[in-house]
Amino acid sequence: LLSGGASTTRATETLVGGSRLRVARARVAGAEDRSVFLELTLRSAARYYDDIDESFVEAVFLGRDRISEGFRRKGRLPVLLEAANGLAVGCAVFVPKRGGAVKIGPLILREDVLEQSAVEPLFKLFDELRRDNHSWRRAYSLFPLSQSGLAVGFSDLGFSTEGLLVSPYKSGVDFVVKGKVFSGEQSHE
């Protein structure tokens, strides 16, 4: 549990029986979630990124207060992914870019999470936020090629493969880019 925070989210718990955890919901992380977000990031990102550290998490949470200004002031929105029991099993960042695009990434999951289960709750939250941010016309996500469950999950929601990045963040780790345009489309139900 977080010390001093009101959040009941936990980042550590022993996996019982070897089954994979499923993501049940995604929510915007509050200031009280910073330590959980940091723990998830430091524990799980090193497999795919060389340069994500505590300063990255600090920048994400500083950018949270600037999200309404989008790309003009590097607004960022930290997101926690939780299992049904409230266990924090992943995190992501929504980053507005020029022209109405929003980058969903990095998307960081614990190793024991069923990757495909993360996409629908993440996109549901994105879609809810998009209703209030009408300039959000396009979403894209970058994730490691080895996380094939994410590729399936994004494809199931209508995201198309836009490219492959060779070792962009860590030598030997290639990333897939999946994107979707929402031109005039009503929100996803």
C-alpha atoms as a PDB file:
ATOM      1  CA  LEU A   1       0.000   0.000   0.000  1.00  0.00           C
ATOM      2  CA  LEU A   2       1.070   3.537  -0.599  1.00  0.00           C
ATOM      3  CA  SER A   3       2.265   5.331   2.469  1.00  0.00           C
ATOM      4  CA  GLY A   4       0.417   8.555   3.055  1.00  0.00           C
ATOM      5  CA  GLY A   5      -1.873   8.153   0.036  1.00  0.00           C
ATOM      6  CA  ALA A   6      -5.557   7.419  -0.191  1.00  0.00           C
ATOM      7  CA  SER A   7      -5.103   4.890  -2.984  1.00  0.00           C
ATOM      8  CA  THR A   8      -5.716   1.211  -2.313  1.00  0.00           C
ATOM      9  CA  THR A   9      -3.760   0.170  -5.392  1.00  0.00           C
ATOM     10  CA  ARG A  10      -0.958  -2.294  -4.756  1.00  0.00           C
ATOM     11  CA  ALA A  11       1.915  -3.021  -7.092  1.00  0.00           C
ATOM     12  CA  THR A  12       3.293  -6.161  -5.505  1.00  0.00           C
ATOM     13  CA  GLU A  13       1.525  -9.414  -4.936  1.00  0.00           C
ATOM     14  CA  THR A  14       2.554 -13.009  -5.398  1.00  0.00           C
ATOM     15  CA  LEU A  15       1.027 -14.778  -8.364  1.00  0.00           C
ATOM     16  CA  VAL A  16      -0.759 -17.928  -7.183  1.00  0.00           C
ATOM     17  CA  GLY A  17      -1.042 -21.046  -9.316  1.00  0.00           C
ATOM     18  CA  GLY A  18       0.905 -19.682 -12.281  1.00  0.00           C
ATOM     19  CA  SER A  19      -2.143 -18.171 -14.018  1.00  0.00           C
ATOM     20  CA  ARG A  20      -1.832 -14.895 -15.902  1.00  0.00           C
ATOM     21  CA  LEU A  21      -3.374 -11.746 -14.445  1.00  0.00           C
ATOM     22  CA  ARG A  22      -6.020  -9.931 -16.477  1.00  0.00           C
ATOM     23  CA  VAL A  23      -6.452  -6.175 -16.620  1.00  0.00           C
ATOM     24  CA  ALA A  24      -9.958  -5.235 -15.450  1.00  0.00           C
ATOM     25  CA  ARG A  25      -9.794  -1.438 -15.614  1.00  0.00           C
ATOM     26  CA  ALA A  26      -7.674   1.558 -16.488  1.00  0.00           C
ATOM     27  CA  ARG A  27      -7.808   4.855 -14.637  1.00  0.00           C
ATOM     28  CA  VAL A  28      -6.002   8.158 -14.598  1.00  0.00           C
ATOM     29  CA  ALA A  29      -3.300   8.033 -11.937  1.00  0.00           C
ATOM     30  CA  GLY A  30      -3.468  10.665  -9.245  1.00  0.00           C
ATOM     31  CA  ALA A  31      -0.593  12.207  -7.333  1.00  0.00           C
ATOM     32  CA  GLU A  32      -1.086   9.575  -4.631  1.00  0.00           C
ATOM     33  CA  ASP A  33      -0.268   6.866  -7.223  1.00  0.00           C
ATOM     34  CA  ARG A  34       3.208   8.174  -8.042  1.00  0.00           C
ATOM     35  CA  SER A  35       5.074   5.572  -5.969  1.00  0.00           C
ATOM     36  CA  VAL A  36       3.080   2.662  -7.465  1.00  0.00           C
ATOM     37  CA  PHE A  37       3.639   4.042 -10.978  1.00  0.00           C
ATOM     38  CA  LEU A  38       7.348   4.398 -10.211  1.00  0.00           C
ATOM     39  CA  GLU A  39       7.621   0.855  -8.848  1.00  0.00           C
ATOM     40  CA  LEU A  40       5.861  -0.654 -11.883  1.00  0.00           C
ATOM     41  CA  THR A  41       7.986   1.384 -14.262  1.00  0.00           C
ATOM     42  CA  LEU A  42      11.329   0.591 -12.653  1.00  0.00           C
ATOM     43  CA  ARG A  43      10.516  -3.101 -12.225  1.00  0.00           C
ATOM     44  CA  SER A  44       9.017  -3.778 -15.659  1.00  0.00           C
ATOM     45  CA  ALA A  45      10.418  -1.274 -18.183  1.00  0.00           C
ATOM     46  CA  ALA A  46      14.084  -2.324 -18.140  1.00  0.00           C
ATOM     47  CA  ARG A  47      13.319  -5.302 -20.397  1.00  0.00           C
ATOM     48  CA  TYR A  48      12.432  -2.926 -23.237  1.00  0.00           C
ATOM     49  CA  TYR A  49      13.893   0.511 -22.449  1.00  0.00           C
ATOM     50  CA  ASP A  50      17.373   1.719 -21.515  1.00  0.00           C
ATOM     51  CA  ASP A  51      16.439   5.251 -20.501  1.00  0.00           C
ATOM     52  CA  ILE A  52      13.352   5.026 -18.293  1.00  0.00           C
ATOM     53  CA  ASP A  53      14.165   5.884 -14.704  1.00  0.00           C
ATOM     54  CA  GLU A  54      12.835   7.905 -11.790  1.00  0.00           C
ATOM     55  CA  SER A  55      13.328  11.189 -13.698  1.00  0.00           C
ATOM     56  CA  PHE A  56      11.009   9.864 -16.440  1.00  0.00           C
ATOM     57  CA  VAL A  57       8.261   9.185 -13.889  1.00  0.00           C
ATOM     58  CA  GLU A  58       8.802  12.618 -12.339  1.00  0.00           C
ATOM     59  CA  ALA A  59       8.386  14.258 -15.780  1.00  0.00           C
ATOM     60  CA  VAL A  60       5.170  12.308 -16.381  1.00  0.00           C
ATOM     61  CA  PHE A  61       3.650  13.481 -13.115  1.00  0.00           C
ATOM     62  CA  LEU A  62       4.812  17.080 -13.658  1.00  0.00           C
ATOM     63  CA  GLY A  63       3.191  16.958 -17.110  1.00  0.00           C
ATOM     64  CA  ARG A  64      -0.100  15.806 -15.586  1.00  0.00           C
ATOM     65  CA  ASP A  65      -0.903  19.382 -14.573  1.00  0.00           C
ATOM     66  CA  ARG A  66      -0.331  20.560 -18.153  1.00  0.00           C
ATOM     67  CA  ILE A  67      -2.503  18.000 -19.965  1.00  0.00           C
ATOM     68  CA  SER A  68      -5.095  20.631 -20.920  1.00  0.00           C
ATOM     69  CA  GLU A  69      -2.352  22.461 -22.822  1.00  0.00           C
ATOM     70  CA  GLY A  70      -1.465  19.282 -24.721  1.00  0.00           C
ATOM     71  CA  PHE A  71       1.640  19.287 -26.879  1.00  0.00           C
ATOM     72  CA  ARG A  72       2.298  22.998 -26.319  1.00  0.00           C
ATOM     73  CA  ARG A  73       3.720  22.354 -22.850  1.00  0.00           C
ATOM     74  CA  LYS A  74       4.393  18.608 -22.929  1.00  0.00           C
ATOM     75  CA  GLY A  75       1.231  17.613 -21.114  1.00  0.00           C
ATOM     76  CA  ARG A  76       1.105  13.966 -20.109  1.00  0.00           C
ATOM     77  CA  LEU A  77      -1.525  11.852 -18.439  1.00  0.00           C
ATOM     78  CA  PRO A  78      -0.324   8.891 -16.335  1.00  0.00           C
ATOM     79  CA  VAL A  79      -2.603   5.840 -16.394  1.00  0.00           C
ATOM     80  CA  LEU A  80      -2.697   2.806 -14.098  1.00  0.00           C
ATOM     81  CA  LEU A  81      -3.962  -0.590 -15.240  1.00  0.00           C
ATOM     82  CA  GLU A  82      -5.499  -2.715 -12.494  1.00  0.00           C
ATOM     83  CA  ALA A  83      -6.646  -6.295 -12.025  1.00  0.00           C
ATOM     84  CA  ALA A  84     -10.130  -6.907 -10.601  1.00  0.00           C
ATOM     85  CA  ASN A  85      -8.692  -7.113  -7.070  1.00  0.00           C
ATOM     86  CA  GLY A  86      -7.180  -3.594  -7.325  1.00  0.00           C
ATOM     87  CA  LEU A  87      -3.632  -4.812  -7.916  1.00  0.00           C
ATOM     88  CA  ALA A  88      -1.726  -2.410 -10.186  1.00  0.00           C
ATOM     89  CA  VAL A  89      -0.460  -4.582 -13.040  1.00  0.00           C
ATOM     90  CA  GLY A  90       0.629  -1.994 -15.570  1.00  0.00           C
ATOM     91  CA  CYS A  91       0.889   1.651 -16.460  1.00  0.00           C
ATOM     92  CA  ALA A  92       0.847   3.841 -19.527  1.00  0.00           C
ATOM     93  CA  VAL A  93       1.084   7.488 -20.498  1.00  0.00           C
ATOM     94  CA  PHE A  94      -1.242   9.435 -22.813  1.00  0.00           C
ATOM     95  CA  VAL A  95       0.802  12.135 -24.579  1.00  0.00           C
ATOM     96  CA  PRO A  96      -0.969  14.655 -26.852  1.00  0.00           C
ATOM     97  CA  LYS A  97       0.972  15.469 -30.024  1.00  0.00           C
ATOM     98  CA  ARG A  98       0.563  18.036 -32.791  1.00  0.00           C
ATOM     99  CA  GLY A  99      -2.406  17.647 -35.110  1.00  0.00           C
ATOM    100  CA  GLY A 100      -4.669  15.881 -32.630  1.00  0.00           C
ATOM    101  CA  ALA A 101      -2.693  12.656 -32.243  1.00  0.00           C
ATOM    102  CA  VAL A 102      -2.248  11.070 -28.835  1.00  0.00           C
ATOM    103  CA  LYS A 103       0.599   8.670 -28.167  1.00  0.00           C
ATOM    104  CA  ILE A 104      -0.279   5.854 -25.796  1.00  0.00           C
ATOM    105  CA  GLY A 105       3.072   4.903 -24.417  1.00  0.00           C
ATOM    106  CA  PRO A 106       5.110   3.707 -22.954  1.00  0.00           C
ATOM    107  CA  LEU A 107       2.708   0.918 -22.123  1.00  0.00           C
ATOM    108  CA  ILE A 108       4.367  -1.103 -19.366  1.00  0.00           C
ATOM    109  CA  LEU A 109       2.959  -4.380 -18.044  1.00  0.00           C
ATOM    110  CA  ARG A 110       4.097  -6.797 -15.402  1.00  0.00           C
ATOM    111  CA  GLU A 111       5.455 -10.017 -16.923  1.00  0.00           C
ATOM    112  CA  ASP A 112       2.574 -12.055 -15.477  1.00  0.00           C
ATOM    113  CA  VAL A 113      -0.166 -10.029 -17.199  1.00  0.00           C
ATOM    114  CA  LEU A 114      -2.157 -11.375 -20.124  1.00  0.00           C
ATOM    115  CA  GLU A 115      -1.129  -8.696 -22.640  1.00  0.00           C
ATOM    116  CA  GLN A 116      -4.274  -8.758 -24.754  1.00  0.00           C
ATOM    117  CA  SER A 117      -6.419  -8.022 -21.667  1.00  0.00           C
ATOM    118  CA  ALA A 118      -4.763  -4.604 -21.239  1.00  0.00           C
ATOM    119  CA  VAL A 119      -5.920  -3.035 -24.485  1.00  0.00           C
ATOM    120  CA  GLU A 120      -9.700  -2.816 -24.098  1.00  0.00           C
ATOM    121  CA  PRO A 121      -9.681  -1.145 -20.630  1.00  0.00           C
ATOM    122  CA  LEU A 122      -6.943   1.225 -21.808  1.00  0.00           C
ATOM    123  CA  PHE A 123      -8.876   2.167 -24.933  1.00  0.00           C
ATOM    124  CA  LYS A 124     -12.121   2.545 -22.954  1.00  0.00           C
ATOM    125  CA  LEU A 125     -10.413   5.149 -20.750  1.00  0.00           C
ATOM    126  CA  PHE A 126      -8.904   6.849 -23.811  1.00  0.00           C
ATOM    127  CA  ASP A 127     -12.339   6.998 -25.427  1.00  0.00           C
ATOM    128  CA  GLU A 128     -13.939   8.503 -22.292  1.00  0.00           C
ATOM    129  CA  LEU A 129     -11.226  11.185 -22.197  1.00  0.00           C
ATOM    130  CA  ARG A 130     -11.571  11.789 -25.941  1.00  0.00           C
ATOM    131  CA  ARG A 131     -15.193  12.854 -25.406  1.00  0.00           C
ATOM    132  CA  ASP A 132     -13.866  15.822 -23.400  1.00  0.00           C
ATOM    133  CA  ASN A 133     -10.846  16.446 -25.631  1.00  0.00           C
ATOM    134  CA  HIS A 134     -12.365  16.822 -29.068  1.00  0.00           C
ATOM    135  CA  SER A 135      -8.973  17.615 -30.553  1.00  0.00           C
ATOM    136  CA  TRP A 136      -7.953  13.988 -29.912  1.00  0.00           C
ATOM    137  CA  ARG A 137      -8.527  12.678 -33.456  1.00  0.00           C
ATOM    138  CA  ARG A 138      -5.978   9.877 -33.627  1.00  0.00           C
ATOM    139  CA  ALA A 139      -4.387   7.404 -31.227  1.00  0.00           C
ATOM    140  CA  TYR A 140      -1.232   5.417 -31.683  1.00  0.00           C
ATOM    141  CA  SER A 141       0.798   3.136 -29.489  1.00  0.00           C
ATOM    142  CA  LEU A 142       4.323   1.774 -29.629  1.00  0.00           C
ATOM    143  CA  PHE A 143       5.094  -1.489 -27.892  1.00  0.00           C
ATOM    144  CA  PRO A 144       7.713  -4.240 -28.130  1.00  0.00           C
ATOM    145  CA  LEU A 145       7.279  -6.623 -31.055  1.00  0.00           C
ATOM    146  CA  SER A 146       7.605  -9.517 -28.597  1.00  0.00           C
ATOM    147  CA  GLN A 147       4.340  -8.466 -26.893  1.00  0.00           C
ATOM    148  CA  SER A 148       2.146 -10.069 -29.539  1.00  0.00           C
ATOM    149  CA  GLY A 149      -0.908 -10.025 -27.259  1.00  0.00           C
ATOM    150  CA  LEU A 150      -0.903  -6.234 -27.426  1.00  0.00           C
ATOM    151  CA  ALA A 151      -0.796  -6.390 -31.226  1.00  0.00           C
ATOM    152  CA  VAL A 152      -3.856  -8.668 -31.250  1.00  0.00           C
ATOM    153  CA  GLY A 153      -5.706  -6.492 -28.727  1.00  0.00           C
ATOM    154  CA  PHE A 154      -5.120  -3.271 -30.666  1.00  0.00           C
ATOM    155  CA  SER A 155      -6.045  -4.963 -33.975  1.00  0.00           C
ATOM    156  CA  ASP A 156      -9.292  -6.249 -32.431  1.00  0.00           C
ATOM    157  CA  LEU A 157     -10.220  -2.609 -31.687  1.00  0.00           C
ATOM    158  CA  GLY A 158      -9.556  -1.441 -35.244  1.00  0.00           C
ATOM    159  CA  PHE A 159      -5.968  -0.237 -34.893  1.00  0.00           C
ATOM    160  CA  SER A 160      -3.786  -0.768 -37.964  1.00  0.00           C
ATOM    161  CA  THR A 161      -0.102  -1.541 -38.069  1.00  0.00           C
ATOM    162  CA  GLU A 162       1.687   1.649 -39.113  1.00  0.00           C
ATOM    163  CA  GLY A 163       5.281   0.580 -38.806  1.00  0.00           C
ATOM    164  CA  LEU A 164       8.111  -1.184 -37.113  1.00  0.00           C
ATOM    165  CA  LEU A 165      10.850   0.675 -35.262  1.00  0.00           C
ATOM    166  CA  VAL A 166      14.177  -1.125 -35.042  1.00  0.00           C
ATOM    167  CA  SER A 167      15.783  -0.826 -31.591  1.00  0.00           C
ATOM    168  CA  PRO A 168      14.417   2.662 -30.812  1.00  0.00           C
ATOM    169  CA  TYR A 169      14.809   2.488 -27.027  1.00  0.00           C
ATOM    170  CA  LYS A 170      17.036  -0.524 -26.383  1.00  0.00           C
ATOM    171  CA  SER A 171      19.401  -2.445 -28.606  1.00  0.00           C
ATOM    172  CA  GLY A 172      17.794  -5.620 -29.932  1.00  0.00           C
ATOM    173  CA  VAL A 173      14.233  -4.654 -28.932  1.00  0.00           C
ATOM    174  CA  ASP A 174      12.047  -3.714 -31.908  1.00  0.00           C
ATOM    175  CA  PHE A 175       8.727  -1.884 -31.495  1.00  0.00           C
ATOM    176  CA  VAL A 176       5.441  -2.078 -33.414  1.00  0.00           C
ATOM    177  CA  VAL A 177       3.413   1.086 -34.092  1.00  0.00           C
ATOM    178  CA  LYS A 178      -0.382   0.622 -34.158  1.00  0.00           C
ATOM    179  CA  GLY A 179      -2.724   3.537 -34.880  1.00  0.00           C
ATOM    180  CA  LYS A 180      -6.334   4.505 -35.379  1.00  0.00           C
ATOM    181  CA  VAL A 181      -7.977   7.663 -36.756  1.00  0.00           C
ATOM    182  CA  PHE A 182     -11.312   8.873 -35.398  1.00  0.00           C
ATOM    183  CA  SER A 183     -12.299  11.417 -38.079  1.00  0.00           C
ATOM    184  CA  GLY A 184     -15.912  12.320 -37.340  1.00  0.00           C
ATOM    185  CA  GLU A 185     -16.530   8.972 -35.637  1.00  0.00           C
ATOM    186  CA  GLN A 186     -18.665   8.856 -32.522  1.00  0.00           C
ATOM    187  CA  SER A 187     -17.091   7.545 -29.337  1.00  0.00           C
ATOM    188  CA  HIS A 188     -16.583   3.795 -28.951  1.00  0.00           C
ATOM    189  CA  GLU A 189     -19.313   2.226 -26.816  1.00  0.00           C
END
